[in-house]
Amino acid sequence: MDAVVEWVDARERLPRDGMPVVAATSGRYPPEPGEADGEDFWLVLPMYFTPRHFGEDGAEYRDCFVDSDRVVRLPYGRPCAEPVTHWAELPTLPGMAVQHVLGEDARVAARDAMG
């Protein structure tokens, strides 16, 4: 199975409220003990987008991406240690044109996809 990914520049357009996405985020790992510098990274992580989020410290964030560990990342160009440069919609389920199925339809769809 193949999936086509359309990457969107986070400076140009943002996802819909609550939309699960994959996001390309960049930053710098902290240095390992005994090393002077950390290592730059640019990687893809699953996240969701929200126009308003309250962090665990009570801080309010606007138009942000949140990962499963509740780490908040902002679109590139805004102050953030690990900004999101690009985002993409999640691919559809195998053999389907949707990203989620619920209830009995989910059982049937998964069984059909597995053959």
C-alpha atoms as a PDB file:
ATOM      1  CA  MET A   1       0.000   0.000   0.000  1.00  0.00           C
ATOM      2  CA  ASP A   2       1.194   3.460  -0.843  1.00  0.00           C
ATOM      3  CA  ALA A   3       0.262   6.745   0.780  1.00  0.00           C
ATOM      4  CA  VAL A   4       0.790  10.182  -0.672  1.00  0.00           C
ATOM      5  CA  VAL A   5       1.823  12.822   1.852  1.00  0.00           C
ATOM      6  CA  GLU A   6       1.202  16.493   1.210  1.00  0.00           C
ATOM      7  CA  TRP A   7       3.383  18.559   3.531  1.00  0.00           C
ATOM      8  CA  VAL A   8       2.050  22.001   4.444  1.00  0.00           C
ATOM      9  CA  ASP A   9       4.391  24.804   5.516  1.00  0.00           C
ATOM     10  CA  ALA A  10       3.282  25.743   9.060  1.00  0.00           C
ATOM     11  CA  ARG A  11       3.999  29.411   8.288  1.00  0.00           C
ATOM     12  CA  GLU A  12       1.427  29.373   5.488  1.00  0.00           C
ATOM     13  CA  ARG A  13      -1.514  27.380   6.842  1.00  0.00           C
ATOM     14  CA  LEU A  14      -2.544  25.575  10.021  1.00  0.00           C
ATOM     15  CA  PRO A  15      -4.720  22.467  10.498  1.00  0.00           C
ATOM     16  CA  ARG A  16      -8.330  22.454  11.712  1.00  0.00           C
ATOM     17  CA  ASP A  17      -9.057  22.455  15.446  1.00  0.00           C
ATOM     18  CA  GLY A  18      -8.417  19.027  16.972  1.00  0.00           C
ATOM     19  CA  MET A  19      -6.986  17.592  13.759  1.00  0.00           C
ATOM     20  CA  PRO A  20      -4.521  14.738  14.304  1.00  0.00           C
ATOM     21  CA  VAL A  21      -1.443  15.283  12.146  1.00  0.00           C
ATOM     22  CA  VAL A  22       2.146  14.298  11.697  1.00  0.00           C
ATOM     23  CA  ALA A  23       4.406  17.270  12.230  1.00  0.00           C
ATOM     24  CA  ALA A  24       8.008  17.902  11.244  1.00  0.00           C
ATOM     25  CA  THR A  25       9.698  19.570  14.191  1.00  0.00           C
ATOM     26  CA  SER A  26      13.238  20.834  14.484  1.00  0.00           C
ATOM     27  CA  GLY A  27      15.510  21.594  17.398  1.00  0.00           C
ATOM     28  CA  ARG A  28      18.637  20.554  19.177  1.00  0.00           C
ATOM     29  CA  TYR A  29      19.124  17.626  21.535  1.00  0.00           C
ATOM     30  CA  PRO A  30      20.911  18.522  24.762  1.00  0.00           C
ATOM     31  CA  PRO A  31      24.561  17.480  24.845  1.00  0.00           C
ATOM     32  CA  GLU A  32      25.498  14.072  26.206  1.00  0.00           C
ATOM     33  CA  PRO A  33      27.705  14.076  29.318  1.00  0.00           C
ATOM     34  CA  GLY A  34      31.208  15.094  28.311  1.00  0.00           C
ATOM     35  CA  GLU A  35      30.103  16.656  25.008  1.00  0.00           C
ATOM     36  CA  ALA A  36      30.223  20.385  24.354  1.00  0.00           C
ATOM     37  CA  ASP A  37      27.282  20.581  21.940  1.00  0.00           C
ATOM     38  CA  GLY A  38      24.047  18.739  21.375  1.00  0.00           C
ATOM     39  CA  GLU A  39      22.931  17.466  17.995  1.00  0.00           C
ATOM     40  CA  ASP A  40      20.496  19.219  15.652  1.00  0.00           C
ATOM     41  CA  PHE A  41      17.401  17.245  14.644  1.00  0.00           C
ATOM     42  CA  TRP A  42      14.452  17.466  12.270  1.00  0.00           C
ATOM     43  CA  LEU A  43      11.981  14.652  12.761  1.00  0.00           C
ATOM     44  CA  VAL A  44       8.355  13.645  12.307  1.00  0.00           C
ATOM     45  CA  LEU A  45       6.053  13.121  15.305  1.00  0.00           C
ATOM     46  CA  PRO A  46       2.320  12.458  15.664  1.00  0.00           C
ATOM     47  CA  MET A  47       0.492  15.433  17.193  1.00  0.00           C
ATOM     48  CA  TYR A  48      -2.822  17.208  17.183  1.00  0.00           C
ATOM     49  CA  PHE A  49      -3.505  20.854  16.496  1.00  0.00           C
ATOM     50  CA  THR A  50      -5.513  23.155  18.732  1.00  0.00           C
ATOM     51  CA  PRO A  51      -6.173  26.899  18.618  1.00  0.00           C
ATOM     52  CA  ARG A  52      -6.047  27.068  22.440  1.00  0.00           C
ATOM     53  CA  HIS A  53      -4.223  24.862  24.942  1.00  0.00           C
ATOM     54  CA  PHE A  54      -3.381  25.194  28.615  1.00  0.00           C
ATOM     55  CA  GLY A  55      -0.036  23.632  29.540  1.00  0.00           C
ATOM     56  CA  GLU A  56       0.583  21.680  32.732  1.00  0.00           C
ATOM     57  CA  ASP A  57       2.187  24.836  34.150  1.00  0.00           C
ATOM     58  CA  GLY A  58      -1.035  26.797  33.482  1.00  0.00           C
ATOM     59  CA  ALA A  59       0.417  28.740  30.553  1.00  0.00           C
ATOM     60  CA  GLU A  60      -2.006  29.397  27.695  1.00  0.00           C
ATOM     61  CA  TYR A  61      -0.873  28.608  24.154  1.00  0.00           C
ATOM     62  CA  ARG A  62      -2.566  29.717  20.939  1.00  0.00           C
ATOM     63  CA  ASP A  63      -2.447  27.909  17.582  1.00  0.00           C
ATOM     64  CA  CYS A  64      -0.196  25.097  18.729  1.00  0.00           C
ATOM     65  CA  PHE A  65       0.657  21.460  18.142  1.00  0.00           C
ATOM     66  CA  VAL A  66       0.570  19.052  21.111  1.00  0.00           C
ATOM     67  CA  ASP A  67       2.165  15.592  21.181  1.00  0.00           C
ATOM     68  CA  SER A  68       1.178  12.519  23.193  1.00  0.00           C
ATOM     69  CA  ASP A  69       3.466  13.593  26.048  1.00  0.00           C
ATOM     70  CA  ARG A  70       1.629  16.957  26.136  1.00  0.00           C
ATOM     71  CA  VAL A  71       4.697  18.774  24.825  1.00  0.00           C
ATOM     72  CA  VAL A  72       3.538  21.970  23.116  1.00  0.00           C
ATOM     73  CA  ARG A  73       5.219  23.080  19.911  1.00  0.00           C
ATOM     74  CA  LEU A  74       4.497  26.269  18.015  1.00  0.00           C
ATOM     75  CA  PRO A  75       4.557  26.931  14.270  1.00  0.00           C
ATOM     76  CA  TYR A  76       7.963  27.914  12.897  1.00  0.00           C
ATOM     77  CA  GLY A  77       8.731  31.606  13.366  1.00  0.00           C
ATOM     78  CA  ARG A  78       7.239  31.849  16.852  1.00  0.00           C
ATOM     79  CA  PRO A  79       9.433  31.506  19.964  1.00  0.00           C
ATOM     80  CA  CYS A  80       9.759  27.766  20.609  1.00  0.00           C
ATOM     81  CA  ALA A  81      12.691  25.402  21.255  1.00  0.00           C
ATOM     82  CA  GLU A  82      11.260  22.772  18.870  1.00  0.00           C
ATOM     83  CA  PRO A  83       9.072  24.553  16.301  1.00  0.00           C
ATOM     84  CA  VAL A  84       6.878  22.760  13.770  1.00  0.00           C
ATOM     85  CA  THR A  85       8.138  23.505  10.266  1.00  0.00           C
ATOM     86  CA  HIS A  86       5.566  21.450   8.334  1.00  0.00           C
ATOM     87  CA  TRP A  87       2.529  19.288   8.999  1.00  0.00           C
ATOM     88  CA  ALA A  88       0.542  16.674   7.077  1.00  0.00           C
ATOM     89  CA  GLU A  89      -2.779  14.962   7.501  1.00  0.00           C
ATOM     90  CA  LEU A  90      -2.620  11.364   8.649  1.00  0.00           C
ATOM     91  CA  PRO A  91      -3.112   8.838   5.852  1.00  0.00           C
ATOM     92  CA  THR A  92      -6.449   7.095   5.442  1.00  0.00           C
ATOM     93  CA  LEU A  93      -7.084   3.598   6.737  1.00  0.00           C
ATOM     94  CA  PRO A  94      -5.968   0.749   4.459  1.00  0.00           C
ATOM     95  CA  GLY A  95      -8.377   0.366   1.568  1.00  0.00           C
ATOM     96  CA  MET A  96     -10.573   3.250   2.732  1.00  0.00           C
ATOM     97  CA  ALA A  97     -11.001   6.965   2.109  1.00  0.00           C
ATOM     98  CA  VAL A  98     -11.364   7.878   5.804  1.00  0.00           C
ATOM     99  CA  GLN A  99      -9.011   8.171   8.771  1.00  0.00           C
ATOM    100  CA  HIS A 100     -11.268   6.631  11.391  1.00  0.00           C
ATOM    101  CA  VAL A 101     -14.157   4.192  11.728  1.00  0.00           C
ATOM    102  CA  LEU A 102     -16.133   3.598  14.920  1.00  0.00           C
ATOM    103  CA  GLY A 103     -18.156   0.813  16.517  1.00  0.00           C
ATOM    104  CA  GLU A 104     -19.139  -2.333  14.658  1.00  0.00           C
ATOM    105  CA  ASP A 105     -18.008  -0.725  11.378  1.00  0.00           C
ATOM    106  CA  ALA A 106     -14.459  -0.626  12.807  1.00  0.00           C
ATOM    107  CA  ARG A 107     -14.438  -4.365  13.487  1.00  0.00           C
ATOM    108  CA  VAL A 108     -15.758  -5.131  10.007  1.00  0.00           C
ATOM    109  CA  ALA A 109     -13.333  -2.721   8.276  1.00  0.00           C
ATOM    110  CA  ALA A 110     -10.294  -4.103  10.140  1.00  0.00           C
ATOM    111  CA  ARG A 111     -11.341  -7.702   9.421  1.00  0.00           C
ATOM    112  CA  ASP A 112     -11.863  -6.900   5.722  1.00  0.00           C
ATOM    113  CA  ALA A 113      -8.486  -5.153   5.479  1.00  0.00           C
ATOM    114  CA  MET A 114      -6.728  -8.133   7.059  1.00  0.00           C
ATOM    115  CA  GLY A 115      -8.307 -10.485   4.527  1.00  0.00           C
END
